[in-house]
Amino acid sequence: MDKTFRDLCNETSKVLNNLKGDSNREQILKYMMYGICAGGNSSLALQLLENDNDDDRIKLLQNTFAINNYTSSQQRLNTYRAIITDLTDEDRQKFIADARGVIFDTKQMNNSGLCCDENGNAVEDSIFHVINNAQFKHWDVIEYVSNASGKPRLNAAAYANLSTSDKEDYVPMRYMYVVTANGERIQIDQNDYEWLSVLVAADIAKNFAMAERYACEVWRSDADNHGKAHAIRKAVIEALSKLQAIEYSGTRQLIKHLDTGTIQSWGQFAIAKMEALMTLTPAAFKKSSEDDIARYLDLANIFCLMDDDKRKSYIKQEDLDGYRGIKNEELKGVDENGKTVSPDKVTQIERKNYLRLLGRTLIKNIAESYGLDTIIRSSTPLMERLTMMYLSAKP
């Protein structure tokens, strides 16, 4: 048999997935059974031969391909993780930084997830919006790939020499290299899901501030309108779920919400995070580090202590209008008596009331986790801040 077992699996699984009453079903099944026997999987071949139902045979074959493909993918991922683990910290961080460039199409992004200019100065604000039309360099390690099969990739110089009509057949492809501890050079394209998944997981685990940038870029409206990290969203969400911060580890709500693909901005992410934190009891906050508590107080400050004009620089009107909850519901509100107002009847004022309620409740829950007597008597900067915010946020 000229074809290997893997060749047969890859080639014929595509055909089987499209079979709908095809007259060649029996012929294809026999061909596959022969291939499986040649590949040494006698157990599977026997199951196929003993089963007279073509639909059952096809299902068995498809399940086998799915398992084989999954196993191969896991083996590759384990190999890539081992390669990254074996690198020095300096080299690992360099390749992680390059992966950011490939994913976000920027020459430089700092550990806070902000695009930078050629001097390393951030050109984006804390909610990932470009500041005053500032400029930053896009990722410039690019090859050009033809839409037609069989044509070689072109470097920038070769692409530049093409005619205008010929250029229409090509699309740019960002890529980078990882150099192993043994000196092997591996090229990674912007569509290399498995390699980028490993690098992104390492990035989120090492650089916590990057988590929010990736989280804000896994959304999808349609095939042509999506976040820059949507192609690797499963890897991003899995990496986020392993973080110790309680908005990720203490409740699955934020992870499930991100998985819906509806969170399209930092403002919407902040609301989703707040709603997830509301599902936790005050005792859950005792497990948090002081750095995490400080982050939650920063968030609460935006929601309930800032005036409306200042809050708009973080949570914009379009964030409120476009927000969709975990069940795809619009943002609700709270009236002047503290009663919930459904999304179909809510006013903008009532939505702002709801944001303030989220902020006040978060401060209250954090204060109660420590005990009011404890925070009032404490002289640490964090506890003094918490005390002041608790007193300021009371209705």
Protein backbone atom coordinates (compact mmCIF):
# COMPACT_ATOMS: atom_id res chain seq x y z
CA MET A 1 0.00 0.00 0.00
CA ASP A 2 1.53 3.32 -1.09
CA LYS A 3 -0.40 5.49 1.33
CA THR A 4 0.41 5.52 5.03
CA PHE A 5 -2.28 4.99 7.64
CA ARG A 6 -2.19 8.72 8.54
CA ASP A 7 -2.54 9.66 4.87
CA LEU A 8 -5.60 7.46 4.60
CA CYS A 9 -7.12 8.92 7.74
CA ASN A 10 -6.57 12.53 6.72
CA GLU A 11 -7.66 11.99 3.12
CA THR A 12 -10.72 9.84 3.67
CA SER A 13 -12.07 11.55 6.80
CA LYS A 14 -12.76 14.61 4.64
CA VAL A 15 -14.76 12.46 2.24
CA LEU A 16 -16.65 10.67 5.02
CA ASN A 17 -17.64 13.96 6.64
CA ASN A 18 -19.36 14.97 3.42
CA LEU A 19 -21.02 11.63 2.63
CA LYS A 20 -24.79 11.96 2.32
CA GLY A 21 -26.27 8.93 0.62
CA ASP A 22 -23.35 8.70 -1.78
CA SER A 23 -23.40 5.62 -4.04
CA ASN A 24 -19.72 5.01 -3.32
CA ARG A 25 -20.20 4.51 0.43
CA GLU A 26 -19.45 0.78 0.39
CA GLN A 27 -16.43 1.22 -1.85
CA ILE A 28 -15.00 3.94 0.38
CA LEU A 29 -15.61 1.87 3.51
CA LYS A 30 -13.84 -1.15 2.04
CA TYR A 31 -10.97 1.08 0.96
CA MET A 32 -10.70 2.43 4.49
CA MET A 33 -10.87 -1.01 6.07
CA TYR A 34 -8.04 -2.18 3.82
CA GLY A 35 -6.04 0.89 4.75
CA ILE A 36 -6.64 0.31 8.44
CA CYS A 37 -5.53 -3.31 8.13
CA ALA A 38 -2.42 -2.13 6.29
CA GLY A 39 -1.84 0.37 9.05
CA GLY A 40 -1.86 -2.38 11.65
CA ASN A 41 -5.10 -1.49 13.45
CA SER A 42 -6.58 -4.99 13.26
CA SER A 43 -8.99 -4.40 16.14
CA LEU A 44 -10.69 -1.49 14.36
CA ALA A 45 -10.71 -3.37 11.05
CA LEU A 46 -12.45 -6.31 12.72
CA GLN A 47 -15.11 -4.01 14.22
CA LEU A 48 -15.78 -2.54 10.78
CA LEU A 49 -15.95 -5.94 9.07
CA GLU A 50 -18.36 -7.34 11.65
CA ASN A 51 -20.71 -4.35 11.46
CA ASP A 52 -23.15 -4.47 8.53
CA ASN A 53 -24.54 -0.96 9.06
CA ASP A 54 -22.76 1.65 6.94
CA ASP A 55 -23.85 4.53 9.21
CA ASP A 56 -22.36 2.76 12.24
CA ARG A 57 -19.15 2.10 10.33
CA ILE A 58 -18.85 5.75 9.31
CA LYS A 59 -19.48 6.90 12.89
CA LEU A 60 -16.83 4.51 14.17
CA LEU A 61 -14.33 5.75 11.59
CA GLN A 62 -15.06 9.40 12.32
CA ASN A 63 -14.66 8.87 16.07
CA THR A 64 -11.33 7.16 15.40
CA PHE A 65 -10.11 10.09 13.28
CA ALA A 66 -11.19 12.56 15.97
CA ILE A 67 -9.25 10.65 18.61
CA ASN A 68 -6.18 10.33 16.38
CA ASN A 69 -6.23 14.03 15.52
CA TYR A 70 -6.74 15.02 19.17
CA THR A 71 -3.89 12.75 20.29
CA SER A 72 -1.55 14.14 17.62
CA SER A 73 -2.46 17.71 18.63
CA GLN A 74 -1.82 16.99 22.31
CA GLN A 75 1.53 15.42 21.49
CA ARG A 76 2.57 18.49 19.52
CA LEU A 77 1.41 20.85 22.28
CA ASN A 78 3.41 18.87 24.85
CA THR A 79 6.48 19.07 22.61
CA TYR A 80 6.09 22.84 22.15
CA ARG A 81 5.62 23.36 25.91
CA ALA A 82 8.79 21.39 26.58
CA ILE A 83 10.70 23.53 24.07
CA ILE A 84 9.53 26.74 25.77
CA THR A 85 10.23 25.39 29.25
CA ASP A 86 13.83 24.52 28.30
CA LEU A 87 14.62 28.09 27.25
CA THR A 88 16.30 30.68 29.43
CA ASP A 89 13.94 33.24 30.99
CA GLU A 90 15.36 35.92 28.70
CA ASP A 91 14.81 33.90 25.52
CA ARG A 92 11.37 32.75 26.62
CA GLN A 93 10.25 36.32 27.26
CA LYS A 94 11.63 37.42 23.89
CA PHE A 95 9.57 34.83 22.01
CA ILE A 96 6.50 35.62 24.13
CA ALA A 97 6.93 39.29 23.17
CA ASP A 98 7.23 38.30 19.52
CA ALA A 99 4.02 36.27 19.78
CA ARG A 100 2.24 39.41 21.02
CA GLY A 101 3.52 41.23 17.96
CA VAL A 102 2.25 38.53 15.60
CA ILE A 103 -1.17 38.32 17.30
CA PHE A 104 -1.78 42.04 17.83
CA ASP A 105 0.09 43.23 14.72
CA THR A 106 2.40 45.55 16.62
CA LYS A 107 6.16 45.84 16.70
CA GLN A 108 6.22 46.34 20.46
CA MET A 109 3.78 45.70 23.32
CA ASN A 110 4.71 46.12 26.99
CA ASN A 111 3.84 43.76 29.85
CA SER A 112 0.70 45.79 30.59
CA GLY A 113 -0.67 44.90 27.17
CA LEU A 114 -0.18 48.38 25.68
CA CYS A 115 1.19 49.00 22.20
CA CYS A 116 4.33 51.15 22.24
CA ASP A 117 6.21 53.39 19.86
CA GLU A 118 9.77 52.72 18.71
CA ASN A 119 11.10 54.30 21.94
CA GLY A 120 9.09 51.97 24.16
CA ASN A 121 6.55 54.62 25.19
CA ALA A 122 2.96 53.41 25.47
CA VAL A 123 0.69 54.86 22.78
CA GLU A 124 -2.47 53.34 24.28
CA ASP A 125 -4.31 54.24 27.48
CA SER A 126 -5.22 51.80 30.26
CA ILE A 127 -8.32 50.61 28.40
CA PHE A 128 -6.36 49.86 25.20
CA HIS A 129 -7.43 52.87 23.13
CA VAL A 130 -4.79 54.64 21.04
CA ILE A 131 -3.96 58.02 22.59
CA ASN A 132 -4.66 61.09 20.42
CA ASN A 133 -4.08 59.30 17.11
CA ALA A 134 -0.58 58.29 18.19
CA GLN A 135 1.37 56.06 15.81
CA PHE A 136 2.97 52.71 16.47
CA LYS A 137 4.80 50.33 14.17
CA HIS A 138 3.00 47.25 12.95
CA TRP A 139 4.65 43.84 12.94
CA ASP A 140 6.97 43.88 9.95
CA VAL A 141 8.15 40.27 9.67
CA ILE A 142 5.84 39.27 6.84
CA GLU A 143 5.60 36.89 3.92
CA TYR A 144 2.93 36.97 1.24
CA VAL A 145 0.80 33.89 0.71
CA SER A 146 -1.19 33.18 -2.44
CA ASN A 147 -4.89 32.37 -2.27
CA ALA A 148 -4.25 29.83 -5.02
CA SER A 149 -2.68 26.54 -3.99
CA GLY A 150 0.76 25.60 -5.23
CA LYS A 151 2.25 29.07 -5.44
CA PRO A 152 5.33 29.74 -3.28
CA ARG A 153 5.39 32.30 -0.51
CA LEU A 154 7.00 35.62 -1.37
CA ASN A 155 9.14 37.94 0.71
CA ALA A 156 8.45 41.67 0.71
CA ALA A 157 10.87 42.37 -2.15
CA ALA A 158 9.40 39.71 -4.43
CA TYR A 159 5.86 40.85 -3.62
CA ALA A 160 6.75 44.45 -4.42
CA ASN A 161 7.85 43.38 -7.93
CA LEU A 162 4.47 41.83 -8.76
CA SER A 163 1.97 43.58 -10.98
CA THR A 164 -1.09 45.13 -9.34
CA SER A 165 -3.33 42.34 -10.62
CA ASP A 166 -0.96 39.60 -9.40
CA LYS A 167 -0.79 41.20 -5.95
CA GLU A 168 -4.51 40.63 -5.58
CA ASP A 169 -3.85 36.88 -5.32
CA TYR A 170 -1.69 37.33 -2.21
CA VAL A 171 -2.38 38.14 1.43
CA PRO A 172 0.19 39.15 4.08
CA MET A 173 1.13 36.53 6.67
CA ARG A 174 2.85 37.64 9.89
CA TYR A 175 5.38 35.21 11.28
CA MET A 176 8.14 34.86 13.86
CA TYR A 177 10.82 32.40 14.88
CA VAL A 178 11.41 30.39 18.01
CA VAL A 179 14.97 29.18 18.47
CA THR A 180 15.20 26.08 20.66
CA ALA A 181 17.83 25.50 23.34
CA ASN A 182 19.61 23.30 20.76
CA GLY A 183 19.67 26.09 18.19
CA GLU A 184 16.89 24.78 15.93
CA ARG A 185 15.00 27.63 14.23
CA ILE A 186 11.23 27.13 14.02
CA GLN A 187 9.02 29.43 11.93
CA ILE A 188 5.60 30.23 13.42
CA ASP A 189 2.86 31.86 11.34
CA GLN A 190 -0.02 34.00 12.60
CA ASN A 191 -2.33 31.03 11.88
CA ASP A 192 -0.26 28.49 13.80
CA TYR A 193 -2.84 27.92 16.54
CA GLU A 194 -0.91 25.32 18.51
CA TRP A 195 2.39 27.20 18.79
CA LEU A 196 0.71 30.53 19.55
CA SER A 197 -1.51 28.81 22.15
CA VAL A 198 1.57 27.62 24.03
CA LEU A 199 3.22 31.06 23.91
CA VAL A 200 0.03 32.87 24.98
CA ALA A 201 -0.51 30.49 27.90
CA ALA A 202 3.08 31.15 29.02
CA ASP A 203 2.51 34.90 28.65
CA ILE A 204 -0.66 34.98 30.75
CA ALA A 205 0.90 32.76 33.44
CA LYS A 206 4.01 34.96 33.65
CA ASN A 207 2.55 38.45 33.03
CA PHE A 208 -0.76 38.82 34.86
CA ALA A 209 -1.41 42.28 33.45
CA MET A 210 -1.59 40.75 29.96
CA ALA A 211 -4.65 38.74 31.01
CA GLU A 212 -7.07 41.63 30.51
CA ARG A 213 -5.64 42.52 27.09
CA TYR A 214 -6.14 38.99 25.83
CA ALA A 215 -9.57 38.77 27.51
CA CYS A 216 -10.73 41.89 25.66
CA GLU A 217 -9.67 40.45 22.29
CA VAL A 218 -11.45 37.05 22.16
CA TRP A 219 -14.82 38.45 21.01
CA ARG A 220 -16.50 37.69 17.73
CA SER A 221 -19.45 39.33 15.94
CA ASP A 222 -19.06 37.46 12.65
CA ALA A 223 -16.39 35.91 10.44
CA ASP A 224 -15.01 39.32 9.42
CA ASN A 225 -15.49 41.19 12.70
CA HIS A 226 -13.67 39.81 15.72
CA GLY A 227 -10.98 40.48 18.28
CA LYS A 228 -7.31 40.01 17.49
CA ALA A 229 -7.02 36.98 19.78
CA HIS A 230 -10.23 35.28 18.66
CA ALA A 231 -8.40 32.61 16.64
CA ILE A 232 -6.71 31.42 19.84
CA ARG A 233 -9.58 32.18 22.20
CA LYS A 234 -9.79 28.63 23.57
CA ALA A 235 -6.16 28.81 24.64
CA VAL A 236 -6.66 32.30 26.11
CA ILE A 237 -9.74 31.26 28.10
CA GLU A 238 -8.05 28.08 29.33
CA ALA A 239 -5.01 30.08 30.48
CA LEU A 240 -7.24 32.63 32.25
CA SER A 241 -9.11 29.85 34.05
CA LYS A 242 -5.84 28.72 35.64
CA LEU A 243 -5.08 32.11 37.24
CA GLN A 244 -5.38 32.38 41.02
CA ALA A 245 -7.26 35.69 41.08
CA ILE A 246 -10.79 35.00 42.32
CA GLU A 247 -12.56 36.65 39.39
CA TYR A 248 -11.19 33.71 37.38
CA SER A 249 -10.71 30.93 39.95
CA GLY A 250 -13.43 31.70 42.51
CA THR A 251 -16.27 31.61 40.01
CA ARG A 252 -16.70 30.24 36.52
CA GLN A 253 -19.03 33.06 35.50
CA LEU A 254 -16.41 35.36 33.96
CA ILE A 255 -14.81 32.45 32.07
CA LYS A 256 -18.20 31.38 30.70
CA HIS A 257 -19.01 34.98 29.80
CA LEU A 258 -15.77 35.36 27.84
CA ASP A 259 -16.56 32.13 26.04
CA THR A 260 -19.75 33.68 24.62
CA GLY A 261 -17.58 36.04 22.57
CA THR A 262 -19.68 39.11 23.40
CA ILE A 263 -17.21 41.14 25.51
CA GLN A 264 -15.75 43.63 23.03
CA SER A 265 -14.03 46.30 25.15
CA TRP A 266 -12.37 46.98 28.48
CA GLY A 267 -15.54 48.67 29.74
CA GLN A 268 -17.66 45.63 28.99
CA PHE A 269 -14.99 43.37 30.50
CA ALA A 270 -15.04 45.49 33.68
CA ILE A 271 -18.83 45.12 33.99
CA ALA A 272 -18.61 41.36 33.38
CA LYS A 273 -15.86 41.08 36.01
CA MET A 274 -17.95 43.06 38.50
CA GLU A 275 -20.99 40.86 37.94
CA ALA A 276 -18.82 37.76 38.42
CA LEU A 277 -17.39 39.14 41.68
CA MET A 278 -20.96 39.72 42.91
CA THR A 279 -21.51 35.94 42.89
CA LEU A 280 -18.83 35.48 45.59
CA THR A 281 -19.37 35.66 49.32
CA PRO A 282 -17.33 38.16 51.40
CA ALA A 283 -15.29 35.22 52.74
CA ALA A 284 -13.93 34.56 49.23
CA PHE A 285 -12.02 37.85 49.30
CA LYS A 286 -9.94 36.70 52.28
CA LYS A 287 -8.09 34.38 49.88
CA SER A 288 -6.99 37.31 47.74
CA SER A 289 -3.56 38.93 47.84
CA GLU A 290 -3.19 42.60 48.76
CA ASP A 291 -2.37 43.34 45.12
CA ASP A 292 -5.65 41.75 44.04
CA ILE A 293 -7.61 43.67 46.69
CA ALA A 294 -6.00 46.89 45.46
CA ARG A 295 -7.11 46.03 41.91
CA TYR A 296 -10.68 45.43 43.07
CA LEU A 297 -10.70 48.75 44.91
CA ASP A 298 -9.45 50.49 41.77
CA LEU A 299 -12.37 48.93 39.90
CA ALA A 300 -14.88 49.86 42.60
CA ASN A 301 -13.59 53.43 42.55
CA ILE A 302 -14.40 53.69 38.83
CA PHE A 303 -17.88 52.26 39.32
CA CYS A 304 -19.15 54.16 42.33
CA LEU A 305 -16.86 57.01 43.43
CA MET A 306 -15.90 58.70 40.18
CA ASP A 307 -18.20 61.34 38.72
CA ASP A 308 -19.96 60.50 35.47
CA ASP A 309 -17.60 62.44 33.23
CA LYS A 310 -14.53 60.71 34.63
CA ARG A 311 -16.17 57.28 34.50
CA LYS A 312 -16.88 57.78 30.80
CA SER A 313 -13.16 57.67 30.09
CA TYR A 314 -13.22 54.04 31.31
CA ILE A 315 -16.75 52.82 30.59
CA LYS A 316 -18.14 54.49 27.50
CA GLN A 317 -21.74 54.88 26.40
CA GLU A 318 -21.24 52.33 23.63
CA ASP A 319 -20.03 49.86 26.25
CA LEU A 320 -23.34 50.20 28.10
CA ASP A 321 -25.44 50.06 24.94
CA GLY A 322 -23.60 47.09 23.45
CA TYR A 323 -23.17 45.06 26.63
CA ARG A 324 -24.61 41.56 26.62
CA GLY A 325 -24.74 39.38 29.70
CA ILE A 326 -23.86 35.71 29.96
CA LYS A 327 -27.35 34.83 28.62
CA ASN A 328 -27.11 37.51 25.90
CA GLU A 329 -29.34 39.90 27.88
CA GLU A 330 -28.83 43.66 27.70
CA LEU A 331 -27.58 45.63 30.70
CA LYS A 332 -30.20 46.08 33.42
CA GLY A 333 -30.59 49.02 35.80
CA VAL A 334 -31.56 50.04 39.32
CA ASP A 335 -34.16 52.69 40.13
CA GLU A 336 -33.92 55.36 42.84
CA ASN A 337 -35.42 52.94 45.37
CA GLY A 338 -32.81 50.28 44.68
CA LYS A 339 -35.16 48.02 42.72
CA THR A 340 -33.92 46.19 39.63
CA VAL A 341 -35.16 47.53 36.29
CA SER A 342 -35.29 45.04 33.39
CA PRO A 343 -33.30 45.78 30.21
CA ASP A 344 -36.42 46.42 28.14
CA LYS A 345 -37.52 49.28 30.43
CA VAL A 346 -34.21 50.64 31.68
CA THR A 347 -33.02 54.27 31.31
CA GLN A 348 -29.40 55.41 31.09
CA ILE A 349 -29.66 56.92 34.58
CA GLU A 350 -30.83 53.57 35.96
CA ARG A 351 -27.91 51.82 34.28
CA LYS A 352 -25.50 54.24 35.96
CA ASN A 353 -27.26 53.52 39.25
CA TYR A 354 -26.58 49.83 38.63
CA LEU A 355 -22.87 50.49 38.09
CA ARG A 356 -22.72 52.44 41.36
CA LEU A 357 -24.50 49.60 43.16
CA LEU A 358 -21.93 47.11 41.84
CA GLY A 359 -19.08 49.30 43.13
CA ARG A 360 -20.64 49.86 46.55
CA THR A 361 -21.40 46.15 46.98
CA LEU A 362 -17.84 45.18 46.08
CA ILE A 363 -16.39 47.58 48.66
CA LYS A 364 -18.87 46.33 51.29
CA ASN A 365 -18.01 42.67 50.61
CA ILE A 366 -14.26 43.31 50.81
CA ALA A 367 -14.66 45.29 54.06
CA GLU A 368 -16.80 42.55 55.60
CA SER A 369 -14.27 39.90 54.61
CA TYR A 370 -11.71 41.58 56.89
CA GLY A 371 -14.20 42.72 59.52
CA LEU A 372 -15.16 46.36 60.00
CA ASP A 373 -13.39 46.64 63.36
CA THR A 374 -10.20 45.26 61.82
CA ILE A 375 -10.05 47.67 58.89
CA ILE A 376 -10.91 50.72 61.01
CA ARG A 377 -8.19 49.93 63.56
CA SER A 378 -5.57 48.99 60.98
CA SER A 379 -2.98 51.57 59.94
CA THR A 380 -1.75 49.87 56.75
CA PRO A 381 -2.20 51.94 53.58
CA LEU A 382 -4.48 49.34 52.01
CA MET A 383 -6.78 49.12 55.04
CA GLU A 384 -6.85 52.91 55.40
CA ARG A 385 -7.86 53.18 51.77
CA LEU A 386 -10.53 50.51 52.21
CA THR A 387 -11.91 52.32 55.26
CA MET A 388 -12.16 55.63 53.41
CA MET A 389 -13.82 54.01 50.41
CA TYR A 390 -16.25 52.10 52.63
CA LEU A 391 -17.34 55.30 54.36
CA SER A 392 -17.52 57.23 51.06
CA ALA A 393 -19.49 54.54 49.23
CA LYS A 394 -22.27 54.18 51.81
CA PRO A 395 -25.61 55.28 50.28
